[in-house]
Amino acid sequence: MTLTDTVMTAINQHYAEPIDGNTLAEQFHVSLTTLNQQFNANVQLSVNRYLRLIRLMNARRLLLETDHKIEYIAMQCGFPNSKTFNRNFKSWKGMTPTDYRQAYARYHRIDTSCL
């Protein structure tokens, strides 16, 4: 397994924890520069951008599949607070988590009940 695969697996398992590129580089005994070079070569993202994307994708799933409060979802997905989560989510999807939930949750529920 490559360094990128190993780190991606760690991110996918531990995204809710307070980790970042620096802690991951330390954990895998490489410099942050090396880690970012590997990530950019393999997934065209820096390690921190990949981590943020994984957190956002998991938050999106919780928004659509649960009725948890935004603050709870932010914490469950590794964001330090709901303000940071809202800012990141809005730059990713173009709307706030609350607006996104209102716009898409009913379709998501319909889709899953049909299976």
C-alpha atoms as a PDB file:
ATOM      1  CA  MET A   1       0.000   0.000   0.000  1.00  0.00           C
ATOM      2  CA  THR A   2       1.289   3.492  -0.813  1.00  0.00           C
ATOM      3  CA  LEU A   3       1.726   6.272   1.722  1.00  0.00           C
ATOM      4  CA  THR A   4      -1.304   8.027   0.229  1.00  0.00           C
ATOM      5  CA  ASP A   5      -3.484   4.894   0.582  1.00  0.00           C
ATOM      6  CA  THR A   6      -2.351   4.382   4.164  1.00  0.00           C
ATOM      7  CA  VAL A   7      -3.026   7.994   5.152  1.00  0.00           C
ATOM      8  CA  MET A   8      -6.376   8.043   3.306  1.00  0.00           C
ATOM      9  CA  THR A   9      -7.430   4.952   5.271  1.00  0.00           C
ATOM     10  CA  ALA A  10      -6.402   6.652   8.528  1.00  0.00           C
ATOM     11  CA  ILE A  11      -8.357   9.788   7.559  1.00  0.00           C
ATOM     12  CA  ASN A  12     -11.442   7.766   6.633  1.00  0.00           C
ATOM     13  CA  GLN A  13     -11.350   6.037  10.029  1.00  0.00           C
ATOM     14  CA  HIS A  14     -10.385   9.016  12.206  1.00  0.00           C
ATOM     15  CA  TYR A  15     -11.821  12.112  10.452  1.00  0.00           C
ATOM     16  CA  ALA A  16     -13.909  12.970  13.527  1.00  0.00           C
ATOM     17  CA  GLU A  17     -10.787  13.326  15.661  1.00  0.00           C
ATOM     18  CA  PRO A  18      -8.756  16.550  15.894  1.00  0.00           C
ATOM     19  CA  ILE A  19      -6.248  15.604  13.191  1.00  0.00           C
ATOM     20  CA  ASP A  20      -4.650  17.677  10.442  1.00  0.00           C
ATOM     21  CA  GLY A  21      -1.859  17.396   7.902  1.00  0.00           C
ATOM     22  CA  ASN A  22       0.811  18.042  10.529  1.00  0.00           C
ATOM     23  CA  THR A  23      -0.395  15.343  12.924  1.00  0.00           C
ATOM     24  CA  LEU A  24      -0.753  12.862  10.059  1.00  0.00           C
ATOM     25  CA  ALA A  25       2.744  13.634   8.736  1.00  0.00           C
ATOM     26  CA  GLU A  26       4.118  13.102  12.238  1.00  0.00           C
ATOM     27  CA  GLN A  27       2.156   9.875  12.704  1.00  0.00           C
ATOM     28  CA  PHE A  28       3.501   8.437   9.441  1.00  0.00           C
ATOM     29  CA  HIS A  29       7.057   9.736   9.935  1.00  0.00           C
ATOM     30  CA  VAL A  30       7.200  12.017   6.886  1.00  0.00           C
ATOM     31  CA  SER A  31       7.301  15.774   6.428  1.00  0.00           C
ATOM     32  CA  LEU A  32       4.098  17.628   5.626  1.00  0.00           C
ATOM     33  CA  THR A  33       5.723  18.643   2.325  1.00  0.00           C
ATOM     34  CA  THR A  34       6.308  14.994   1.372  1.00  0.00           C
ATOM     35  CA  LEU A  35       2.784  14.041   2.411  1.00  0.00           C
ATOM     36  CA  ASN A  36       1.268  16.871   0.355  1.00  0.00           C
ATOM     37  CA  GLN A  37       3.423  15.975  -2.669  1.00  0.00           C
ATOM     38  CA  GLN A  38       2.187  12.372  -2.480  1.00  0.00           C
ATOM     39  CA  PHE A  39      -1.446  13.493  -2.106  1.00  0.00           C
ATOM     40  CA  ASN A  40      -1.198  16.018  -4.931  1.00  0.00           C
ATOM     41  CA  ALA A  41       0.342  13.393  -7.219  1.00  0.00           C
ATOM     42  CA  ASN A  42      -2.281  10.746  -6.400  1.00  0.00           C
ATOM     43  CA  VAL A  43      -5.546  12.576  -5.657  1.00  0.00           C
ATOM     44  CA  GLN A  44      -4.873  16.164  -6.817  1.00  0.00           C
ATOM     45  CA  LEU A  45      -5.631  17.506  -3.323  1.00  0.00           C
ATOM     46  CA  SER A  46      -3.510  18.503  -0.356  1.00  0.00           C
ATOM     47  CA  VAL A  47      -3.879  16.267   2.683  1.00  0.00           C
ATOM     48  CA  ASN A  48      -5.818  18.976   4.543  1.00  0.00           C
ATOM     49  CA  ARG A  49      -8.209  19.488   1.620  1.00  0.00           C
ATOM     50  CA  TYR A  50      -8.795  15.736   1.411  1.00  0.00           C
ATOM     51  CA  LEU A  51      -9.472  15.616   5.159  1.00  0.00           C
ATOM     52  CA  ARG A  52     -11.921  18.522   4.876  1.00  0.00           C
ATOM     53  CA  LEU A  53     -13.715  16.833   1.969  1.00  0.00           C
ATOM     54  CA  ILE A  54     -14.117  13.582   3.926  1.00  0.00           C
ATOM     55  CA  ARG A  55     -15.477  15.544   6.894  1.00  0.00           C
ATOM     56  CA  LEU A  56     -17.903  17.435   4.652  1.00  0.00           C
ATOM     57  CA  MET A  57     -19.119  14.282   2.877  1.00  0.00           C
ATOM     58  CA  ASN A  58     -19.818  12.585   6.210  1.00  0.00           C
ATOM     59  CA  ALA A  59     -21.537  15.725   7.507  1.00  0.00           C
ATOM     60  CA  ARG A  60     -23.676  15.824   4.362  1.00  0.00           C
ATOM     61  CA  ARG A  61     -24.741  12.232   4.985  1.00  0.00           C
ATOM     62  CA  LEU A  62     -25.693  13.041   8.594  1.00  0.00           C
ATOM     63  CA  LEU A  63     -27.586  16.153   7.462  1.00  0.00           C
ATOM     64  CA  LEU A  64     -29.691  14.093   5.070  1.00  0.00           C
ATOM     65  CA  GLU A  65     -30.108  10.911   7.125  1.00  0.00           C
ATOM     66  CA  THR A  66     -30.617  12.274  10.641  1.00  0.00           C
ATOM     67  CA  ASP A  67     -32.359  15.106  12.453  1.00  0.00           C
ATOM     68  CA  HIS A  68     -29.297  15.939  14.560  1.00  0.00           C
ATOM     69  CA  LYS A  69     -28.566  19.592  15.249  1.00  0.00           C
ATOM     70  CA  ILE A  70     -25.944  21.337  13.097  1.00  0.00           C
ATOM     71  CA  GLU A  71     -23.666  21.785  16.139  1.00  0.00           C
ATOM     72  CA  TYR A  72     -23.781  18.029  16.839  1.00  0.00           C
ATOM     73  CA  ILE A  73     -23.010  17.132  13.213  1.00  0.00           C
ATOM     74  CA  ALA A  74     -20.110  19.609  13.148  1.00  0.00           C
ATOM     75  CA  MET A  75     -18.566  18.006  16.237  1.00  0.00           C
ATOM     76  CA  GLN A  76     -19.211  14.447  15.028  1.00  0.00           C
ATOM     77  CA  CYS A  77     -17.397  15.172  11.776  1.00  0.00           C
ATOM     78  CA  GLY A  78     -14.293  16.771  13.256  1.00  0.00           C
ATOM     79  CA  PHE A  79     -15.074  20.458  12.837  1.00  0.00           C
ATOM     80  CA  PRO A  80     -14.028  22.572  15.842  1.00  0.00           C
ATOM     81  CA  ASN A  81     -17.379  24.412  15.904  1.00  0.00           C
ATOM     82  CA  SER A  82     -20.536  24.989  13.868  1.00  0.00           C
ATOM     83  CA  LYS A  83     -19.264  28.327  12.511  1.00  0.00           C
ATOM     84  CA  THR A  84     -16.253  26.625  10.874  1.00  0.00           C
ATOM     85  CA  PHE A  85     -18.521  23.830   9.623  1.00  0.00           C
ATOM     86  CA  ASN A  86     -21.018  26.331   8.138  1.00  0.00           C
ATOM     87  CA  ARG A  87     -18.268  28.282   6.353  1.00  0.00           C
ATOM     88  CA  ASN A  88     -16.680  25.137   4.879  1.00  0.00           C
ATOM     89  CA  PHE A  89     -20.006  23.595   3.890  1.00  0.00           C
ATOM     90  CA  LYS A  90     -21.178  26.794   2.209  1.00  0.00           C
ATOM     91  CA  SER A  91     -17.977  27.082   0.172  1.00  0.00           C
ATOM     92  CA  TRP A  92     -18.399  23.403  -0.843  1.00  0.00           C
ATOM     93  CA  LYS A  93     -22.126  23.322  -1.699  1.00  0.00           C
ATOM     94  CA  GLY A  94     -23.003  27.000  -2.129  1.00  0.00           C
ATOM     95  CA  MET A  95     -25.541  26.984   0.712  1.00  0.00           C
ATOM     96  CA  THR A  96     -25.595  26.583   4.461  1.00  0.00           C
ATOM     97  CA  PRO A  97     -26.046  23.122   6.013  1.00  0.00           C
ATOM     98  CA  THR A  98     -29.528  24.116   7.207  1.00  0.00           C
ATOM     99  CA  ASP A  99     -30.583  25.280   3.731  1.00  0.00           C
ATOM    100  CA  TYR A 100     -29.062  22.163   2.174  1.00  0.00           C
ATOM    101  CA  ARG A 101     -30.972  19.906   4.569  1.00  0.00           C
ATOM    102  CA  GLN A 102     -34.248  21.712   3.832  1.00  0.00           C
ATOM    103  CA  ALA A 103     -33.649  21.511   0.085  1.00  0.00           C
ATOM    104  CA  TYR A 104     -32.549  17.869  -0.171  1.00  0.00           C
ATOM    105  CA  ALA A 105     -33.500  15.818   2.889  1.00  0.00           C
ATOM    106  CA  ARG A 106     -36.992  14.952   1.655  1.00  0.00           C
ATOM    107  CA  TYR A 107     -35.629  13.622  -1.659  1.00  0.00           C
ATOM    108  CA  HIS A 108     -32.943  11.667   0.128  1.00  0.00           C
ATOM    109  CA  ARG A 109     -35.528  10.014   2.381  1.00  0.00           C
ATOM    110  CA  ILE A 110     -37.757   9.163  -0.583  1.00  0.00           C
ATOM    111  CA  ASP A 111     -34.810   7.654  -2.470  1.00  0.00           C
ATOM    112  CA  THR A 112     -33.725   5.426   0.413  1.00  0.00           C
ATOM    113  CA  SER A 113     -37.249   4.206   1.187  1.00  0.00           C
ATOM    114  CA  CYS A 114     -37.638   2.975  -2.407  1.00  0.00           C
ATOM    115  CA  LEU A 115     -34.753   0.530  -2.115  1.00  0.00           C
END
